[in-house]
Structure formats: structure tokens, C-alpha cells
Amino acid sequence: MKNKKLTYLLGLVVVVVWGMIIYRVFNGLNSNDNTATVAPLKTAKEAYNDFSIPKDTTHLLLNYRDPFGIAREKDTDKVVIRKVSERKIPIQVKPMDWGFIRYSGYMLNPATKKMIALVSVNGQNITLAEGQTKNDVKLIRNLRDSIKISYAGKTKFIAIKSSAL
């Protein structure tokens, strides 16, 4: 019986609290009074000048001791720099013609789930996986729309060529 009385009492307290909340909400919504309940705070605002740069008042003091205990010693040996006049001969590098390599497309190997590139080198069709080398042509990366290949120590991206001309 003791718990039943406590339950009824707490239920009554909950109903009263919710009744007060609902009463205040409806009273606030239906009030015809236009006065503000909170007085606005008046603060003096400082003029904002975005174009002025404040003067730097920071001073660095660099006369502290060495934190690691390493004292700098004067060099006893003098470094002698001799300028040797060398004639610079410009090296003309011939641009490499990559026209003999064509990227025709790719296919997906169903067993290994890897892409295999279809490449034509000097008219000969070869298939390459990433990291594979044939005819001195190494496939570095296959990006579906282009491939990155290495030939004679040079690398280049070659875009896919459409077969319909």
C-alpha cells in the first residue's frame, strides 16, 4: 500500500508540472501585450576599421644561452673557393617519338580480377598487366582511360585511341 500512495502522489506532481508548462506556453502565445520581458543590454560598440594594421609591439630577445650546451668554435681552417671557368655546352635532347606505342583498351581477367592492357607496339599487339615488361615496354599503371608506360628510361602517359576513324 505504501508504494501505491507514492505512485499516485508522483503522478499528481507530474500532471501539475505539465499543466503549468502548457499554461505558460499558451499564455505566451495568446498574449496581446507587446512589451519585451527581457530588457535589452546597451553596449557601446567600437568602430571597426578593417584597413588599419596594428603596430607590432613584439620584441624577440635572442641573447639566451645555448640550450644544448654546444659551444660554437671558430673554424681554424679557411675554406678556399676556387672558381673554375667551364664552358657550358647546351645539350640538345631530341624529343622521343611515342607514336609507335598505341593503347587500344583493357580487359578484366575474371580469375585474378586484374586489368590487362591491350597495347600495340610497332604494329604488334601485346597484353600487359601492371609491372609487366614486353619488347622493352613496361606498364607502370593502368588507369582505364590511359596507361603510364616506361620505355628506354623515360615514362609517359598514353591515352586510349579509338579504333573508329
N, C-alpha and C. Protein backbone atom coordinates (compact mmCIF):
# COMPACT_ATOMS: atom_id res chain seq x y z
N MET A 1 0.81 -1.20 0.00
CA MET A 1 0.00 0.00 0.00
C MET A 1 0.84 1.26 0.00
N LYS A 2 2.01 1.16 0.60
CA LYS A 2 2.85 2.34 0.71
C LYS A 2 3.33 2.78 -0.69
N ASN A 3 3.69 1.84 -1.52
CA ASN A 3 4.17 2.15 -2.86
C ASN A 3 3.05 2.70 -3.73
N LYS A 4 1.83 2.28 -3.53
CA LYS A 4 0.71 2.75 -4.32
C LYS A 4 0.44 4.23 -4.04
N LYS A 5 0.53 4.63 -2.78
CA LYS A 5 0.30 6.02 -2.42
C LYS A 5 1.39 6.92 -3.02
N LEU A 6 2.63 6.44 -2.97
CA LEU A 6 3.75 7.20 -3.53
C LEU A 6 3.60 7.35 -5.04
N THR A 7 3.12 6.32 -5.71
CA THR A 7 2.92 6.38 -7.16
C THR A 7 1.85 7.39 -7.51
N TYR A 8 0.75 7.39 -6.78
CA TYR A 8 -0.32 8.37 -7.03
C TYR A 8 0.16 9.79 -6.77
N LEU A 9 0.94 9.97 -5.72
CA LEU A 9 1.45 11.30 -5.39
C LEU A 9 2.40 11.80 -6.49
N LEU A 10 3.31 10.96 -6.97
CA LEU A 10 4.23 11.37 -8.03
C LEU A 10 3.50 11.61 -9.35
N GLY A 11 2.48 10.84 -9.64
CA GLY A 11 1.67 11.06 -10.84
C GLY A 11 0.98 12.41 -10.78
N LEU A 12 0.47 12.79 -9.61
CA LEU A 12 -0.17 14.09 -9.43
C LEU A 12 0.83 15.23 -9.62
N VAL A 13 2.06 15.07 -9.12
CA VAL A 13 3.09 16.09 -9.28
C VAL A 13 3.43 16.25 -10.78
N VAL A 14 3.53 15.16 -11.52
CA VAL A 14 3.82 15.23 -12.95
C VAL A 14 2.72 15.96 -13.69
N VAL A 15 1.46 15.68 -13.37
CA VAL A 15 0.33 16.34 -14.03
C VAL A 15 0.35 17.84 -13.73
N VAL A 16 0.67 18.23 -12.50
CA VAL A 16 0.71 19.66 -12.14
C VAL A 16 1.84 20.36 -12.89
N VAL A 17 3.01 19.75 -12.94
CA VAL A 17 4.14 20.38 -13.62
C VAL A 17 3.83 20.55 -15.11
N TRP A 18 3.31 19.51 -15.77
CA TRP A 18 2.97 19.63 -17.18
C TRP A 18 1.84 20.64 -17.41
N GLY A 19 0.93 20.72 -16.48
CA GLY A 19 -0.13 21.72 -16.61
C GLY A 19 0.42 23.14 -16.56
N MET A 20 1.38 23.38 -15.67
CA MET A 20 2.00 24.71 -15.59
C MET A 20 2.75 25.04 -16.88
N ILE A 21 3.44 24.05 -17.43
CA ILE A 21 4.20 24.29 -18.67
C ILE A 21 3.26 24.61 -19.81
N ILE A 22 2.21 23.85 -19.96
CA ILE A 22 1.25 24.08 -21.05
C ILE A 22 0.55 25.42 -20.87
N TYR A 23 0.19 25.77 -19.63
CA TYR A 23 -0.45 27.06 -19.37
C TYR A 23 0.45 28.22 -19.78
N ARG A 24 1.74 28.15 -19.43
CA ARG A 24 2.66 29.24 -19.77
C ARG A 24 2.87 29.35 -21.28
N VAL A 25 2.93 28.21 -21.97
CA VAL A 25 3.11 28.26 -23.42
C VAL A 25 1.91 28.91 -24.08
N PHE A 26 0.69 28.47 -23.73
CA PHE A 26 -0.49 29.07 -24.35
C PHE A 26 -0.69 30.52 -23.93
N ASN A 27 -0.36 30.85 -22.71
CA ASN A 27 -0.47 32.23 -22.25
C ASN A 27 0.51 33.13 -23.00
N GLY A 28 1.72 32.63 -23.28
CA GLY A 28 2.72 33.40 -24.01
C GLY A 28 2.32 33.58 -25.47
N LEU A 29 1.68 32.59 -26.07
CA LEU A 29 1.28 32.69 -27.47
C LEU A 29 0.07 33.60 -27.65
N ASN A 30 -0.82 33.63 -26.70
CA ASN A 30 -2.06 34.40 -26.84
C ASN A 30 -2.00 35.77 -26.19
N SER A 31 -0.86 36.19 -25.72
CA SER A 31 -0.81 37.48 -25.04
C SER A 31 -0.89 38.61 -26.06
N ASN A 32 -1.63 39.65 -25.73
CA ASN A 32 -1.76 40.83 -26.57
C ASN A 32 -0.76 41.90 -26.17
N ASP A 33 0.00 41.62 -25.18
CA ASP A 33 0.98 42.56 -24.66
C ASP A 33 2.24 42.50 -25.53
N ASN A 34 2.68 43.65 -26.07
CA ASN A 34 3.85 43.68 -26.94
C ASN A 34 5.11 44.11 -26.21
N THR A 35 5.09 44.13 -24.93
CA THR A 35 6.28 44.54 -24.18
C THR A 35 7.24 43.37 -24.09
N ALA A 36 8.51 43.69 -24.11
CA ALA A 36 9.54 42.66 -24.02
C ALA A 36 9.75 42.31 -22.56
N THR A 37 9.93 41.04 -22.29
CA THR A 37 10.13 40.61 -20.91
C THR A 37 11.59 40.77 -20.48
N VAL A 38 12.51 40.83 -21.43
CA VAL A 38 13.92 40.98 -21.11
C VAL A 38 14.37 42.35 -21.61
N ALA A 39 14.98 43.11 -20.72
CA ALA A 39 15.46 44.44 -21.10
C ALA A 39 16.72 44.28 -21.94
N PRO A 40 16.78 44.95 -23.09
CA PRO A 40 17.97 44.82 -23.93
C PRO A 40 19.17 45.52 -23.29
N LEU A 41 20.32 44.90 -23.46
CA LEU A 41 21.54 45.47 -22.93
C LEU A 41 22.11 46.43 -23.97
N LYS A 42 22.47 47.62 -23.51
CA LYS A 42 23.06 48.61 -24.40
C LYS A 42 24.55 48.65 -24.14
N THR A 43 25.30 48.28 -25.15
CA THR A 43 26.75 48.31 -25.02
C THR A 43 27.30 49.24 -26.09
N ALA A 44 28.31 49.94 -25.74
CA ALA A 44 28.94 50.85 -26.68
C ALA A 44 29.81 50.03 -27.62
N LYS A 45 29.55 50.16 -28.91
CA LYS A 45 30.32 49.42 -29.89
C LYS A 45 31.46 50.28 -30.39
N GLU A 46 32.60 49.64 -30.53
CA GLU A 46 33.78 50.33 -31.01
C GLU A 46 33.77 50.29 -32.54
N ALA A 47 34.20 51.37 -33.14
CA ALA A 47 34.23 51.43 -34.60
C ALA A 47 35.21 50.40 -35.12
N TYR A 48 34.81 49.70 -36.16
CA TYR A 48 35.63 48.63 -36.74
C TYR A 48 36.35 49.17 -37.96
N ASN A 49 37.65 49.14 -37.91
CA ASN A 49 38.45 49.62 -39.02
C ASN A 49 39.24 48.43 -39.56
N ASP A 50 38.79 47.91 -40.67
CA ASP A 50 39.39 46.71 -41.23
C ASP A 50 40.69 47.00 -41.96
N PHE A 51 40.91 48.23 -42.34
CA PHE A 51 42.05 48.56 -43.18
C PHE A 51 43.28 48.96 -42.38
N SER A 52 43.16 49.14 -41.09
CA SER A 52 44.33 49.53 -40.30
C SER A 52 45.07 48.29 -39.83
N ILE A 53 46.39 48.37 -39.81
CA ILE A 53 47.23 47.28 -39.34
C ILE A 53 47.84 47.73 -38.03
N PRO A 54 47.59 46.98 -36.97
CA PRO A 54 48.15 47.41 -35.69
C PRO A 54 49.66 47.29 -35.69
N LYS A 55 50.30 48.16 -34.96
CA LYS A 55 51.75 48.18 -34.89
C LYS A 55 52.23 46.96 -34.10
N ASP A 56 53.26 46.34 -34.59
CA ASP A 56 53.81 45.16 -33.94
C ASP A 56 54.65 45.61 -32.76
N THR A 57 54.28 45.15 -31.58
CA THR A 57 54.99 45.54 -30.37
C THR A 57 55.80 44.39 -29.79
N THR A 58 55.95 43.32 -30.52
CA THR A 58 56.68 42.16 -30.02
C THR A 58 58.17 42.35 -30.23
N HIS A 59 58.92 42.05 -29.20
CA HIS A 59 60.38 42.14 -29.27
C HIS A 59 60.95 40.77 -28.94
N LEU A 60 61.80 40.27 -29.82
CA LEU A 60 62.44 38.99 -29.58
C LEU A 60 63.77 39.21 -28.87
N LEU A 61 63.99 38.47 -27.80
CA LEU A 61 65.24 38.53 -27.07
C LEU A 61 66.02 37.27 -27.40
N LEU A 62 67.08 37.40 -28.18
CA LEU A 62 67.83 36.26 -28.65
C LEU A 62 69.18 36.11 -27.97
N ASN A 63 69.32 36.66 -26.79
CA ASN A 63 70.61 36.61 -26.09
C ASN A 63 70.60 35.55 -24.99
N TYR A 64 69.93 34.44 -25.21
CA TYR A 64 69.90 33.37 -24.22
C TYR A 64 71.02 32.38 -24.50
N ARG A 65 71.32 31.54 -23.52
CA ARG A 65 72.42 30.59 -23.68
C ARG A 65 71.98 29.44 -24.57
N ASP A 66 72.95 28.68 -25.03
CA ASP A 66 72.69 27.54 -25.90
C ASP A 66 71.99 26.44 -25.09
N PRO A 67 70.80 26.02 -25.46
CA PRO A 67 70.07 25.05 -24.65
C PRO A 67 70.68 23.65 -24.72
N PHE A 68 71.50 23.35 -25.70
CA PHE A 68 72.06 22.01 -25.84
C PHE A 68 73.49 21.92 -25.31
N GLY A 69 74.07 23.04 -24.93
CA GLY A 69 75.42 23.05 -24.37
C GLY A 69 76.51 22.89 -25.41
N ILE A 70 76.19 23.12 -26.65
CA ILE A 70 77.19 23.01 -27.70
C ILE A 70 77.70 24.41 -28.01
N ALA A 71 78.95 24.63 -27.73
CA ALA A 71 79.53 25.96 -27.98
C ALA A 71 80.09 25.97 -29.39
N ARG A 72 79.85 27.01 -30.10
CA ARG A 72 80.38 27.14 -31.45
C ARG A 72 81.85 27.58 -31.37
N GLU A 73 82.65 26.82 -32.05
CA GLU A 73 84.06 27.16 -32.09
C GLU A 73 84.36 27.76 -33.46
N LYS A 74 85.34 28.64 -33.46
CA LYS A 74 85.72 29.24 -34.73
C LYS A 74 86.45 28.20 -35.56
N ASP A 75 86.18 28.24 -36.84
CA ASP A 75 86.86 27.33 -37.74
C ASP A 75 88.32 27.76 -37.88
N THR A 76 89.22 26.80 -37.72
CA THR A 76 90.63 27.11 -37.86
C THR A 76 91.07 27.00 -39.32
N ASP A 77 90.37 26.20 -40.08
CA ASP A 77 90.71 26.06 -41.49
C ASP A 77 89.86 27.03 -42.29
N LYS A 78 90.51 27.71 -43.17
CA LYS A 78 89.78 28.61 -44.05
C LYS A 78 89.41 27.86 -45.32
N VAL A 79 88.22 28.04 -45.71
CA VAL A 79 87.75 27.37 -46.91
C VAL A 79 88.09 28.25 -48.09
N VAL A 80 88.78 27.66 -49.02
CA VAL A 80 89.19 28.39 -50.21
C VAL A 80 88.27 27.93 -51.35
N ILE A 81 87.60 28.87 -51.94
CA ILE A 81 86.71 28.54 -53.04
C ILE A 81 87.36 29.02 -54.32
N ARG A 82 87.58 28.09 -55.20
CA ARG A 82 88.19 28.43 -56.47
C ARG A 82 87.13 28.29 -57.55
N LYS A 83 87.05 29.29 -58.32
CA LYS A 83 86.11 29.24 -59.43
C LYS A 83 86.85 28.75 -60.67
N VAL A 84 86.33 27.71 -61.20
CA VAL A 84 86.90 27.16 -62.42
C VAL A 84 85.93 27.51 -63.53
N SER A 85 86.44 28.18 -64.51
CA SER A 85 85.56 28.57 -65.60
C SER A 85 85.39 27.39 -66.54
N GLU A 86 84.19 26.95 -66.63
CA GLU A 86 83.87 25.86 -67.53
C GLU A 86 82.89 26.38 -68.57
N ARG A 87 83.16 25.98 -69.76
CA ARG A 87 82.22 26.36 -70.81
C ARG A 87 81.06 25.38 -70.77
N LYS A 88 79.89 25.93 -70.65
CA LYS A 88 78.71 25.08 -70.62
C LYS A 88 78.23 24.88 -72.05
N ILE A 89 78.19 23.65 -72.41
CA ILE A 89 77.72 23.31 -73.75
C ILE A 89 76.28 22.85 -73.60
N PRO A 90 75.38 23.54 -74.28
CA PRO A 90 73.98 23.12 -74.14
C PRO A 90 73.77 21.76 -74.78
N ILE A 91 73.10 20.92 -74.03
CA ILE A 91 72.81 19.58 -74.51
C ILE A 91 71.43 19.60 -75.14
N GLN A 92 71.38 19.22 -76.36
CA GLN A 92 70.10 19.20 -77.04
C GLN A 92 69.56 17.78 -77.00
N VAL A 93 68.42 17.66 -76.35
CA VAL A 93 67.78 16.36 -76.22
C VAL A 93 66.70 16.27 -77.28
N LYS A 94 66.80 15.23 -78.06
CA LYS A 94 65.79 15.05 -79.08
C LYS A 94 64.53 14.49 -78.43
N PRO A 95 63.40 15.10 -78.73
CA PRO A 95 62.17 14.56 -78.14
C PRO A 95 61.88 13.18 -78.73
N MET A 96 61.47 12.28 -77.87
CA MET A 96 61.22 10.91 -78.30
C MET A 96 59.85 10.83 -78.95
N ASP A 97 59.77 10.09 -80.04
CA ASP A 97 58.51 9.89 -80.74
C ASP A 97 57.83 8.66 -80.13
N TRP A 98 56.69 8.87 -79.49
CA TRP A 98 55.95 7.80 -78.84
C TRP A 98 54.85 7.25 -79.75
N GLY A 99 54.87 7.59 -81.02
CA GLY A 99 53.80 7.19 -81.93
C GLY A 99 53.76 5.70 -82.22
N PHE A 100 54.84 5.00 -81.95
CA PHE A 100 54.84 3.57 -82.25
C PHE A 100 54.14 2.75 -81.18
N ILE A 101 53.76 3.40 -80.06
CA ILE A 101 53.04 2.71 -78.98
C ILE A 101 51.61 3.26 -78.94
N ARG A 102 50.64 2.36 -79.06
CA ARG A 102 49.22 2.76 -79.01
C ARG A 102 48.51 1.94 -77.95
N TYR A 103 47.67 2.61 -77.17
CA TYR A 103 46.86 1.94 -76.15
C TYR A 103 45.49 1.70 -76.75
N SER A 104 45.11 0.44 -76.91
CA SER A 104 43.85 0.10 -77.56
C SER A 104 42.71 -0.08 -76.57
N GLY A 105 42.99 -0.45 -75.36
CA GLY A 105 41.94 -0.66 -74.37
C GLY A 105 42.41 -1.59 -73.27
N TYR A 106 41.45 -2.10 -72.52
CA TYR A 106 41.79 -3.01 -71.43
C TYR A 106 40.72 -4.08 -71.34
N MET A 107 41.07 -5.16 -70.67
CA MET A 107 40.10 -6.20 -70.36
C MET A 107 40.36 -6.66 -68.94
N LEU A 108 39.32 -7.21 -68.33
CA LEU A 108 39.39 -7.63 -66.94
C LEU A 108 39.56 -9.13 -66.88
N ASN A 109 40.60 -9.61 -66.23
CA ASN A 109 40.83 -11.04 -66.07
C ASN A 109 39.89 -11.55 -64.98
N PRO A 110 38.96 -12.44 -65.31
CA PRO A 110 37.97 -12.87 -64.31
C PRO A 110 38.59 -13.71 -63.20
N ALA A 111 39.69 -14.38 -63.45
CA ALA A 111 40.29 -15.23 -62.43
C ALA A 111 41.01 -14.39 -61.37
N THR A 112 41.81 -13.41 -61.81
CA THR A 112 42.61 -12.63 -60.86
C THR A 112 42.02 -11.27 -60.56
N LYS A 113 40.96 -10.88 -61.26
CA LYS A 113 40.31 -9.58 -61.08
C LYS A 113 41.26 -8.42 -61.34
N LYS A 114 42.23 -8.62 -62.24
CA LYS A 114 43.18 -7.57 -62.60
C LYS A 114 42.91 -7.10 -64.02
N MET A 115 43.24 -5.82 -64.26
CA MET A 115 43.07 -5.27 -65.60
C MET A 115 44.31 -5.58 -66.43
N ILE A 116 44.06 -5.96 -67.68
CA ILE A 116 45.12 -6.25 -68.62
C ILE A 116 44.99 -5.25 -69.76
N ALA A 117 46.08 -4.53 -70.06
CA ALA A 117 46.08 -3.50 -71.10
C ALA A 117 46.38 -4.13 -72.45
N LEU A 118 45.67 -3.65 -73.46
CA LEU A 118 45.92 -4.08 -74.84
C LEU A 118 46.72 -2.97 -75.51
N VAL A 119 47.99 -3.26 -75.80
CA VAL A 119 48.92 -2.26 -76.31
C VAL A 119 49.47 -2.74 -77.66
N SER A 120 49.60 -1.81 -78.58
CA SER A 120 50.19 -2.11 -79.89
C SER A 120 51.55 -1.43 -79.96
N VAL A 121 52.62 -2.25 -80.11
CA VAL A 121 53.98 -1.73 -80.19
C VAL A 121 54.51 -2.09 -81.58
N ASN A 122 54.78 -1.07 -82.39
CA ASN A 122 55.25 -1.25 -83.77
C ASN A 122 54.31 -2.17 -84.57
N GLY A 123 53.01 -2.03 -84.34
CA GLY A 123 52.03 -2.83 -85.07
C GLY A 123 51.81 -4.21 -84.50
N GLN A 124 52.56 -4.61 -83.47
CA GLN A 124 52.41 -5.92 -82.86
C GLN A 124 51.57 -5.76 -81.59
N ASN A 125 50.46 -6.52 -81.49
CA ASN A 125 49.57 -6.43 -80.33
C ASN A 125 50.13 -7.27 -79.19
N ILE A 126 50.22 -6.63 -78.01
CA ILE A 126 50.67 -7.34 -76.81
C ILE A 126 49.72 -7.01 -75.67
N THR A 127 49.68 -7.88 -74.68
CA THR A 127 48.87 -7.65 -73.48
C THR A 127 49.82 -7.51 -72.30
N LEU A 128 49.55 -6.51 -71.48
CA LEU A 128 50.41 -6.23 -70.33
C LEU A 128 49.58 -6.03 -69.08
N ALA A 129 50.04 -6.62 -67.97
CA ALA A 129 49.48 -6.33 -66.66
C ALA A 129 50.41 -5.32 -65.99
N GLU A 130 49.96 -4.71 -64.90
CA GLU A 130 50.79 -3.70 -64.23
C GLU A 130 52.09 -4.33 -63.75
N GLY A 131 53.22 -3.67 -64.08
CA GLY A 131 54.54 -4.15 -63.68
C GLY A 131 55.17 -5.12 -64.67
N GLN A 132 54.46 -5.49 -65.70
CA GLN A 132 54.95 -6.45 -66.68
C GLN A 132 55.72 -5.73 -67.80
N THR A 133 56.74 -6.40 -68.35
CA THR A 133 57.56 -5.82 -69.41
C THR A 133 57.59 -6.75 -70.62
N LYS A 134 57.34 -6.19 -71.80
CA LYS A 134 57.48 -6.92 -73.07
C LYS A 134 57.99 -5.94 -74.11
N ASN A 135 58.93 -6.39 -74.94
CA ASN A 135 59.52 -5.56 -76.01
C ASN A 135 60.09 -4.26 -75.45
N ASP A 136 60.73 -4.31 -74.31
CA ASP A 136 61.31 -3.14 -73.62
C ASP A 136 60.27 -2.10 -73.22
N VAL A 137 59.00 -2.46 -73.22
CA VAL A 137 57.92 -1.56 -72.79
C VAL A 137 57.39 -2.10 -71.48
N LYS A 138 57.45 -1.26 -70.44
CA LYS A 138 56.97 -1.67 -69.12
C LYS A 138 55.72 -0.89 -68.78
N LEU A 139 54.67 -1.60 -68.40
CA LEU A 139 53.42 -0.96 -67.99
C LEU A 139 53.53 -0.66 -66.50
N ILE A 140 53.52 0.62 -66.16
CA ILE A 140 53.65 1.03 -64.76
C ILE A 140 52.28 1.11 -64.11
N ARG A 141 51.31 1.74 -64.79
CA ARG A 141 50.00 1.96 -64.18
C ARG A 141 48.94 1.92 -65.27
N ASN A 142 47.82 1.26 -65.00
CA ASN A 142 46.68 1.21 -65.91
C ASN A 142 45.53 1.98 -65.30
N LEU A 143 45.13 3.06 -65.93
CA LEU A 143 44.08 3.93 -65.39
C LEU A 143 42.80 3.86 -66.22
N ARG A 144 42.58 2.80 -66.95
CA ARG A 144 41.43 2.56 -67.80
C ARG A 144 41.37 3.48 -69.01
N ASP A 145 41.41 4.79 -68.82
CA ASP A 145 41.36 5.70 -69.97
C ASP A 145 42.76 6.03 -70.49
N SER A 146 43.80 5.69 -69.74
CA SER A 146 45.18 5.91 -70.17
C SER A 146 46.08 4.95 -69.41
N ILE A 147 47.30 4.82 -69.92
CA ILE A 147 48.29 3.97 -69.26
C ILE A 147 49.58 4.77 -69.08
N LYS A 148 50.31 4.42 -68.03
CA LYS A 148 51.62 5.02 -67.81
C LYS A 148 52.64 3.94 -68.12
N ILE A 149 53.48 4.22 -69.12
CA ILE A 149 54.46 3.23 -69.56
C ILE A 149 55.86 3.79 -69.45
N SER A 150 56.83 2.88 -69.43
CA SER A 150 58.23 3.23 -69.39
C SER A 150 58.91 2.56 -70.57
N TYR A 151 59.67 3.36 -71.33
CA TYR A 151 60.41 2.83 -72.47
C TYR A 151 61.71 3.60 -72.57
N ALA A 152 62.80 2.91 -72.64
CA ALA A 152 64.14 3.48 -72.77
C ALA A 152 64.43 4.48 -71.66
N GLY A 153 64.01 4.17 -70.44
CA GLY A 153 64.29 5.03 -69.30
C GLY A 153 63.40 6.24 -69.16
N LYS A 154 62.42 6.39 -70.03
CA LYS A 154 61.51 7.52 -69.98
C LYS A 154 60.09 7.01 -69.76
N THR A 155 59.28 7.82 -69.05
CA THR A 155 57.90 7.43 -68.78
C THR A 155 56.96 8.44 -69.42
N LYS A 156 55.77 7.93 -69.78
CA LYS A 156 54.77 8.79 -70.39
C LYS A 156 53.40 8.17 -70.22
N PHE A 157 52.39 9.05 -70.10
CA PHE A 157 51.00 8.61 -70.12
C PHE A 157 50.53 8.59 -71.56
N ILE A 158 49.89 7.51 -71.98
CA ILE A 158 49.34 7.39 -73.32
C ILE A 158 47.85 7.15 -73.18
N ALA A 159 47.07 8.02 -73.82
CA ALA A 159 45.61 7.93 -73.75
C ALA A 159 45.12 6.85 -74.69
N ILE A 160 43.90 6.39 -74.44
CA ILE A 160 43.30 5.35 -75.26
C ILE A 160 42.97 5.92 -76.64
N LYS A 161 43.20 5.11 -77.66
CA LYS A 161 42.91 5.52 -79.04
C LYS A 161 41.67 4.77 -79.49
N SER A 162 40.70 5.50 -80.02
CA SER A 162 39.50 4.83 -80.52
C SER A 162 39.82 4.23 -81.88
N SER A 163 39.28 3.04 -82.14
CA SER A 163 39.60 2.34 -83.38
C SER A 163 38.78 2.87 -84.55
N ALA A 164 37.67 3.58 -84.27
CA ALA A 164 36.85 4.12 -85.37
C ALA A 164 37.44 5.44 -85.85
N LEU A 165 37.90 5.48 -87.09
CA LEU A 165 38.48 6.72 -87.65
C LEU A 165 37.61 7.27 -88.71
